Protein backbone atom coordinates (compact mmCIF):
# COMPACT_ATOMS: atom_id res chain seq x y z
CA MET A 1 0.00 0.00 0.00
CA ASP A 2 2.83 2.40 0.87
CA PHE A 3 4.48 1.60 -2.45
CA LEU A 4 1.27 2.37 -4.34
CA MET A 5 0.91 5.67 -2.48
CA THR A 6 4.48 6.58 -3.43
CA VAL A 7 3.72 5.81 -7.08
CA VAL A 8 0.58 7.92 -7.03
CA SER A 9 2.15 10.79 -5.05
CA TYR A 10 5.50 11.12 -6.83
CA VAL A 11 5.95 8.89 -9.87
CA LEU A 12 2.72 9.78 -11.67
CA PRO A 13 3.13 13.58 -11.30
CA PHE A 14 6.75 13.21 -12.42
CA LEU A 15 5.68 11.30 -15.54
CA VAL A 16 3.00 13.87 -16.33
CA VAL A 17 5.41 16.80 -15.96
CA LEU A 18 8.23 15.15 -17.92
CA SER A 19 5.94 13.81 -20.65
CA VAL A 20 4.42 17.24 -21.33
CA VAL A 21 7.86 18.89 -21.59
CA VAL A 22 9.31 16.10 -23.75
CA PHE A 23 6.26 15.95 -26.03
CA VAL A 24 6.37 19.70 -26.69
CA HIS A 25 10.13 19.58 -27.35
CA GLU A 26 9.87 16.69 -29.80
CA TYR A 27 6.77 18.16 -31.43
CA GLY A 28 8.83 21.25 -32.23
CA HIS A 29 11.31 19.08 -34.15
CA PHE A 30 8.45 17.17 -35.76
CA ILE A 31 6.27 20.00 -37.01
CA VAL A 32 9.08 22.24 -38.27
CA GLY A 33 10.68 19.22 -39.93
CA ARG A 34 7.44 18.55 -41.77
CA TRP A 35 7.17 22.22 -42.75
CA CYS A 36 10.67 21.89 -44.23
CA GLY A 37 9.61 18.90 -46.32
CA ILE A 38 11.30 16.21 -44.22
CA LYS A 39 9.58 12.87 -43.83
CA VAL A 40 9.15 11.73 -40.22
CA ASP A 41 9.30 7.97 -39.66
CA VAL A 42 8.77 7.81 -35.89
CA PHE A 43 7.55 10.10 -33.10
CA SER A 44 8.29 8.33 -29.83
CA LEU A 45 7.38 9.35 -26.30
CA GLY A 46 9.81 7.28 -24.24
CA PHE A 47 12.44 4.69 -25.20
CA GLY A 48 12.59 0.93 -25.39
CA PRO A 49 9.82 -1.58 -26.10
CA GLU A 50 6.66 -0.20 -27.68
CA LEU A 51 3.57 -0.17 -25.46
CA PHE A 52 1.08 1.08 -28.04
CA ALA A 53 1.25 2.98 -31.33
CA PHE A 54 -0.57 4.09 -34.47
CA ASP A 55 0.41 5.28 -37.95
CA ASP A 56 -0.88 8.59 -39.28
CA SER A 57 -1.86 9.36 -42.88
CA LYS A 58 1.64 10.61 -43.74
CA GLY A 59 3.40 7.47 -42.61
CA THR A 60 4.64 8.62 -39.21
CA ARG A 61 4.44 6.02 -36.45
CA TRP A 62 3.37 7.62 -33.16
CA ARG A 63 4.44 5.40 -30.27
CA VAL A 64 4.53 5.34 -26.48
CA ALA A 65 7.45 3.29 -25.16
CA ALA A 66 8.12 1.50 -21.88
CA ILE A 67 10.90 3.77 -20.54
CA PRO A 68 9.25 7.20 -20.10
CA LEU A 69 12.46 9.21 -19.56
CA GLY A 70 12.57 11.21 -22.76
CA GLY A 71 11.58 10.80 -26.37
CA TYR A 72 12.73 11.31 -29.93
CA VAL A 73 11.75 12.05 -33.51
CA LYS A 74 13.32 9.81 -36.16
CA PHE A 75 13.49 11.44 -39.56
CA HIS A 76 13.70 9.48 -42.80
CA GLY A 77 17.31 8.44 -43.38
CA ASP A 78 18.32 8.62 -39.71
CA ALA A 79 20.32 5.67 -38.41
CA ASN A 80 19.13 6.13 -34.82
CA ALA A 81 17.23 8.35 -32.39
CA ALA A 82 20.23 10.73 -32.18
CA SER A 83 19.78 11.62 -35.88
CA GLY A 84 22.96 9.96 -37.06
CA ALA A 85 23.07 9.41 -40.80
CA ASP A 86 22.39 5.92 -42.13
CA SER A 87 24.88 6.15 -45.01
CA TRP A 88 24.19 2.73 -46.45
CA SER A 89 20.40 3.21 -46.49
CA LEU A 90 20.80 6.61 -48.13
CA THR A 91 22.72 5.05 -51.02
CA GLN A 92 19.93 2.50 -51.57
CA MET A 93 17.18 5.13 -51.84
CA SER A 94 15.75 6.57 -55.00
CA GLU A 95 16.32 10.25 -55.71
CA ALA A 96 12.71 11.06 -54.75
CA GLU A 97 12.96 9.17 -51.49
CA ARG A 98 16.35 10.68 -50.63
CA SER A 99 14.98 14.19 -51.23
CA VAL A 100 12.70 13.94 -48.15
CA THR A 101 15.48 12.78 -45.77
CA PHE A 102 16.88 15.05 -43.11
CA PHE A 103 20.39 15.00 -44.59
CA ALA A 104 19.27 16.03 -48.08
CA GLN A 105 18.02 19.38 -46.80
CA PRO A 106 20.01 22.64 -46.92
CA VAL A 107 21.77 23.68 -43.72
CA TRP A 108 19.18 26.30 -42.79
CA LYS A 109 16.31 23.78 -42.88
CA ARG A 110 18.23 21.28 -40.75
CA ALA A 111 19.18 24.03 -38.29
CA ALA A 112 15.58 25.29 -38.10
CA THR A 113 14.32 21.77 -37.44
CA VAL A 114 16.84 21.15 -34.67
CA PHE A 115 16.40 24.58 -33.07
CA ALA A 116 12.61 24.14 -33.02
CA GLY A 117 12.79 21.68 -30.10
CA PRO A 118 14.26 24.14 -27.55
CA LEU A 119 12.23 26.96 -29.10
CA PHE A 120 8.97 25.12 -28.44
CA ASN A 121 10.09 24.56 -24.82
CA PHE A 122 10.49 28.31 -24.41
CA LEU A 123 7.14 28.96 -26.11
CA LEU A 124 5.47 26.48 -23.75
CA ALA A 125 6.90 28.31 -20.73
CA ILE A 126 5.88 31.71 -22.10
CA GLY A 127 2.37 30.40 -22.77
CA ILE A 128 2.01 28.92 -19.28
CA PHE A 129 3.26 32.06 -17.52
CA ALA A 130 1.09 34.25 -19.74
CA GLY A 131 -1.93 32.08 -18.89
CA ILE A 132 -1.22 32.38 -15.17
CA PHE A 133 -0.89 36.18 -15.40
CA ALA A 134 -4.05 36.44 -17.53
CA TYR A 135 -6.04 34.31 -15.08
CA PHE A 136 -4.75 35.65 -11.75
CA GLY A 137 -3.35 39.06 -12.73
CA GLN A 138 -0.02 40.61 -11.77
CA PRO A 139 1.05 41.14 -8.13
CA ALA A 140 0.35 44.73 -7.11
CA LEU A 141 3.46 46.58 -5.92
CA VAL A 142 3.78 49.33 -3.33
CA ASP A 143 7.24 50.87 -3.00
CA GLY A 144 8.59 48.00 -5.08
CA GLN A 145 7.13 45.30 -2.80
CA ALA A 146 4.26 42.92 -3.46
CA VAL A 147 1.20 43.55 -1.30
CA VAL A 148 0.65 40.35 0.67
CA THR A 149 -2.17 39.65 3.13
CA PRO A 150 -0.71 39.75 6.68
CA ARG A 151 -1.16 35.99 7.08
CA ILE A 152 1.43 34.08 9.14
CA SER A 153 2.77 31.03 7.28
CA ALA A 154 5.27 29.86 9.92
CA VAL A 155 6.33 30.76 13.46
CA GLN A 156 10.04 30.50 14.24
CA GLN A 157 10.74 28.42 17.32
CA GLY A 158 12.24 30.41 20.18
CA GLY A 159 11.16 33.74 18.73
CA ALA A 160 9.08 36.46 20.35
CA GLY A 161 6.12 35.52 18.14
CA ALA A 162 6.15 31.93 19.38
CA ALA A 163 6.29 33.15 22.99
CA ALA A 164 3.29 35.41 22.32
CA GLY A 165 1.21 32.49 21.02
CA PHE A 166 1.13 33.16 17.26
CA ARG A 167 0.14 30.23 15.06
CA ALA A 168 0.55 29.50 11.38
CA GLY A 169 -2.59 30.69 9.58
CA ASP A 170 -3.19 33.72 11.83
CA VAL A 171 -4.12 36.89 9.93
CA VAL A 172 -3.02 40.13 11.63
CA LYS A 173 -5.87 42.67 11.78
CA SER A 174 -4.42 45.47 13.90
CA VAL A 175 -1.49 46.50 16.11
CA ASP A 176 -2.26 48.82 19.03
CA GLY A 177 -5.49 49.80 17.27
CA GLU A 178 -3.79 50.60 13.92
CA PRO A 179 -5.31 48.58 11.04
CA ILE A 180 -2.89 46.29 9.21
CA GLU A 181 -3.65 45.74 5.51
CA SER A 182 -0.43 44.03 4.37
CA PHE A 183 2.43 41.99 5.76
CA SER A 184 4.94 44.67 4.76
CA LYS A 185 3.08 47.23 6.93
CA PHE A 186 3.06 44.74 9.79
CA GLN A 187 6.84 44.35 9.37
CA ARG A 188 7.37 48.13 9.47
CA VAL A 189 5.30 48.53 12.63
CA VAL A 190 7.11 45.66 14.38
CA ALA A 191 10.54 46.89 13.21
CA ALA A 192 9.89 50.29 14.81
CA SER A 193 8.68 48.76 18.10
CA ALA A 194 11.71 46.89 19.47
CA ASP A 195 11.35 46.05 23.20
CA LYS A 196 7.88 47.63 23.20
CA GLN A 197 4.84 45.60 24.21
CA LEU A 198 2.28 45.46 21.41
CA ARG A 199 -1.39 44.54 21.48
CA ILE A 200 -2.00 42.56 18.30
CA VAL A 201 -5.40 41.39 17.09
CA VAL A 202 -5.36 38.35 14.80
CA LEU A 203 -8.10 36.47 12.98
CA ARG A 204 -7.91 32.78 13.91
CA ASP A 205 -10.53 30.20 12.89
CA LYS A 206 -12.90 33.05 11.91
CA GLU A 207 -12.65 34.59 15.40
CA GLU A 208 -10.57 37.53 16.60
CA THR A 209 -7.90 36.76 19.18
CA VAL A 210 -5.85 39.32 21.11
CA LEU A 211 -2.12 38.58 21.59
CA THR A 212 0.51 40.52 23.49
CA ALA A 213 3.98 40.47 21.98
CA THR A 214 7.27 42.28 22.51
CA PRO A 215 9.53 42.40 19.41
CA THR A 216 13.13 41.41 20.07
CA LEU A 217 15.85 43.95 19.28
CA THR A 218 17.79 42.53 16.32
CA GLU A 219 20.75 43.91 14.38
CA ILE A 220 20.43 43.62 10.60
CA GLU A 221 22.34 44.90 7.56
CA GLY A 222 20.44 47.87 6.14
CA ALA A 223 20.99 50.03 3.06
CA ASN A 224 23.15 52.43 5.09
CA GLY A 225 24.90 49.89 7.29
CA LYS A 226 23.85 47.94 10.36
CA VAL A 227 20.64 48.98 12.10
CA ASN A 228 18.65 47.71 15.09
CA VAL A 229 15.04 46.71 14.46
CA GLY A 230 12.28 44.75 16.17
CA ARG A 231 11.59 41.16 15.17
CA LEU A 232 8.89 38.63 16.14
CA GLY A 233 10.15 35.66 14.12
CA LEU A 234 7.06 35.34 11.89
CA ASN A 235 7.08 34.40 8.20
CA SER A 236 4.71 35.83 5.63
CA SER A 237 2.45 33.73 3.44
CA ALA A 238 3.94 32.40 0.18
CA ASP A 239 0.48 31.47 -1.14
CA PHE A 240 -0.28 33.45 -4.33
CA ARG A 241 -3.91 33.67 -3.19
CA ASP A 242 -2.75 35.98 -0.38
CA MET A 243 -1.25 38.45 -2.87
CA LEU A 244 -3.11 41.52 -4.04
CA MET A 245 -3.34 41.10 -7.81
CA ARG A 246 -4.14 43.66 -10.47
CA PRO A 247 -5.81 42.50 -13.72
CA CYS A 248 -3.79 42.49 -16.93
CA GLY A 249 -4.89 42.09 -20.54
CA PRO A 250 -3.82 39.35 -22.96
CA LEU A 251 -0.98 41.32 -24.57
CA GLU A 252 0.37 42.43 -21.22
CA ALA A 253 0.13 38.84 -19.94
CA VAL A 254 2.20 37.62 -22.91
CA GLY A 255 4.79 40.32 -22.21
CA LEU A 256 4.92 39.31 -18.55
CA GLY A 257 5.22 35.64 -19.56
CA LEU A 258 8.11 36.50 -21.84
CA GLY A 259 9.76 38.49 -19.03
CA GLU A 260 9.32 35.65 -16.54
CA THR A 261 10.87 33.19 -18.98
CA TRP A 262 13.79 35.53 -19.65
CA ASN A 263 14.36 35.94 -15.90
CA ILE A 264 14.72 32.16 -15.56
CA VAL A 265 17.16 32.13 -18.49
CA LYS A 266 19.23 34.89 -16.86
CA GLN A 267 19.23 33.20 -13.45
CA THR A 268 20.31 29.94 -15.06
CA GLY A 269 23.07 31.76 -16.94
CA HIS A 270 24.30 33.36 -13.71
CA PHE A 271 24.27 29.95 -12.02
CA VAL A 272 26.24 28.30 -14.83
CA GLY A 273 28.70 31.18 -14.80
CA GLY A 274 29.00 30.79 -11.04
CA LEU A 275 29.73 27.08 -11.45
CA LEU A 276 32.51 27.79 -13.93
CA SER A 277 34.03 30.50 -11.73
CA GLY A 278 33.64 28.53 -8.49
CA ARG A 279 31.11 30.93 -6.94
CA GLU A 280 28.28 28.36 -7.05
CA ASN A 281 28.24 24.83 -5.66
CA ALA A 282 27.63 22.02 -8.14
CA ASN A 283 25.75 20.17 -5.40
CA GLN A 284 22.72 22.32 -6.27
CA LEU A 285 22.23 20.39 -9.54
CA SER A 286 19.25 18.02 -9.52
CA GLY A 287 18.35 15.05 -11.67
CA PRO A 288 15.27 12.88 -12.21
CA ILE A 289 14.89 12.12 -8.50
CA GLY A 290 14.85 15.82 -7.63
CA ILE A 291 12.32 16.52 -10.38
CA ALA A 292 10.14 13.64 -9.16
CA GLU A 293 10.29 14.97 -5.61
CA ALA A 294 9.34 18.49 -6.72
CA SER A 295 6.53 17.11 -8.90
CA GLY A 296 5.15 15.12 -5.97
CA GLN A 297 5.25 18.15 -3.68
CA MET A 298 3.41 20.29 -6.23
CA ALA A 299 0.84 17.54 -6.81
CA GLN A 300 0.15 17.34 -3.08
CA GLN A 301 -0.89 21.01 -3.15
CA ILE A 302 -3.61 20.40 -5.75
CA PRO A 303 -6.42 19.96 -3.14
CA THR A 304 -5.69 23.42 -1.68
CA LEU A 305 -4.00 25.42 -4.47
CA GLY A 306 -5.25 23.66 -7.59
CA VAL A 307 -3.07 22.52 -10.48
CA TRP A 308 -1.26 25.86 -10.83
CA PRO A 309 1.88 24.95 -8.82
CA LEU A 310 2.31 21.79 -10.93
CA VAL A 311 1.72 23.75 -14.15
CA ASN A 312 4.26 26.34 -12.99
CA LEU A 313 6.77 23.52 -12.44
CA ILE A 314 6.17 22.36 -16.03
CA ALA A 315 7.08 25.85 -17.24
CA LEU A 316 10.26 25.96 -15.12
CA LEU A 317 11.35 22.52 -16.29
CA SER A 318 10.54 23.39 -19.90
CA VAL A 319 12.91 26.37 -19.80
CA SER A 320 15.60 24.20 -18.19
CA ILE A 321 15.24 21.48 -20.84
CA GLY A 322 15.35 24.09 -23.60
CA LEU A 323 18.53 25.64 -22.23
CA LEU A 324 20.17 22.27 -21.59
CA ASN A 325 19.54 21.19 -25.17
CA LEU A 326 21.10 24.38 -26.53
CA MET A 327 24.44 23.62 -24.88
CA PRO A 328 27.08 23.14 -27.63
CA VAL A 329 27.60 19.50 -26.67
CA PRO A 330 27.58 16.81 -29.39
CA LEU A 331 24.44 14.67 -29.12
CA LEU A 332 22.38 17.61 -27.84
CA ASP A 333 20.58 20.04 -30.15
CA GLY A 334 23.23 22.67 -29.47
CA GLY A 335 25.91 20.26 -30.68
CA HIS A 336 24.03 19.67 -33.94
CA LEU A 337 23.66 23.43 -34.40
CA LEU A 338 27.40 23.84 -33.84
CA PHE A 339 28.13 21.26 -36.56
CA PHE A 340 25.71 23.03 -38.91
CA ALA A 341 27.46 26.37 -38.25
CA ILE A 342 30.83 24.75 -39.06
CA GLU A 343 29.34 23.24 -42.21
CA ALA A 344 27.98 26.61 -43.31
CA LEU A 345 31.39 28.26 -42.78
CA ARG A 346 33.42 25.46 -44.42
CA GLY A 347 31.00 24.82 -47.26
CA ARG A 348 30.92 21.11 -46.39
CA ALA A 349 30.12 18.95 -43.37
CA LEU A 350 32.69 17.44 -41.04
CA ASN A 351 33.56 13.88 -42.02
CA GLU A 352 31.54 11.07 -40.44
CA ARG A 353 34.43 9.76 -38.30
CA VAL A 354 34.91 13.14 -36.60
CA GLN A 355 31.19 13.42 -35.96
CA GLU A 356 31.05 9.86 -34.63
CA TYR A 357 33.82 10.50 -32.09
CA ALA A 358 32.26 13.82 -31.14
CA PHE A 359 28.91 12.15 -30.47
CA ARG A 360 30.61 9.51 -28.31
CA ILE A 361 32.24 12.27 -26.26
CA GLY A 362 28.90 14.07 -26.03
CA LEU A 363 27.16 10.88 -24.87
CA ALA A 364 29.79 10.42 -22.15
CA MET A 365 29.36 14.04 -21.02
CA VAL A 366 25.55 13.80 -20.89
CA CYS A 367 25.65 10.48 -19.02
CA SER A 368 28.21 11.87 -16.55
CA LEU A 369 26.03 14.91 -15.90
CA MET A 370 22.97 12.72 -15.32
CA LEU A 371 24.88 10.44 -12.94
CA PHE A 372 26.28 13.40 -11.03
CA ALA A 373 22.84 15.03 -10.71
CA THR A 374 21.34 11.72 -9.54
CA TYR A 375 24.17 11.34 -7.02
CA ASN A 376 23.33 14.83 -5.69
CA ASP A 377 19.68 13.85 -5.29
CA LEU A 378 20.57 10.67 -3.39
CA ALA A 379 23.15 12.47 -1.25
CA ARG A 380 20.59 15.09 -0.22
CA HIS A 381 18.20 12.35 0.92
CA LEU A 382 20.92 10.54 2.84
CA ARG A 383 21.81 13.76 4.65
CA LEU A 384 18.20 14.29 5.75
């Protein structure tokens, strides 16, 4: 029974999240390839033995395979799922048949087809973020800060708030008779009241409760150096439903979705740069286990928050997959694009032996990265 619960709670959400991201990525390759006149033999969601499949009117076999950790599109003339050329088969084809293979296309069509996978991942993320902004609106800002309902999400043990009797879920209504409309205002009032006894009214279980609390004098780093402020040890709500939102139209929502996607790209770029310079710790990298854990946690919030946290995770993972595939590593889309750029500059492709060795190196790099990320996931669990 415990095993079944684990499957339902973590494995199924993980498969849903990964399958959506992989399907969109591969569909980008598929549809742009077709637009470029390339015949598609196979569209596979997953690897290994075929579970079920069907053939469409244009001869593409759509299949779902037993190992659901990725997918691929096999174009006509490909030797394998990594789009290696099947030289012998190409020589046996008629001119008409060879004209619809991937390798018969000009460089720009091949590059467009390969780039479409990551591009569709970014478009998926932009669409999801835009949909969230269109549905919920944009967080309202006052003095550069989001306006959040003064709801307590957590009470720090040993703090003045815990001693006063605060509980998670309390909503602050007033402090010494002054109405409190946002958590940031509550913070300002508390910060200015170090070592002063405060009469705080909170809403708890639909009833008002009066608490008496004395903020602890705490030294923090301010904009102009160290300052002393009052602290109760209370955390604000992270629930988006506690944020004051302002409506935004469709075009603005798309712009905000684009901005949110770009922010993730920039943060990822800073992280990668930090890894290379030694400023960031490689232990922060996560693999399939970490994704499964995050998927399970988001799925568990569905009864209270709906599907939005899980959908948001799909967008985050989609950006990550898009960026990962653009890395100039042989075997990945970025490696193919690098070879195409070299071909365009040289006027001819690199010979097959060079490409074969490059793809072997790329496979070793990708497998090493996956193993390292999985090791990080396991190490984090063992440290818990």
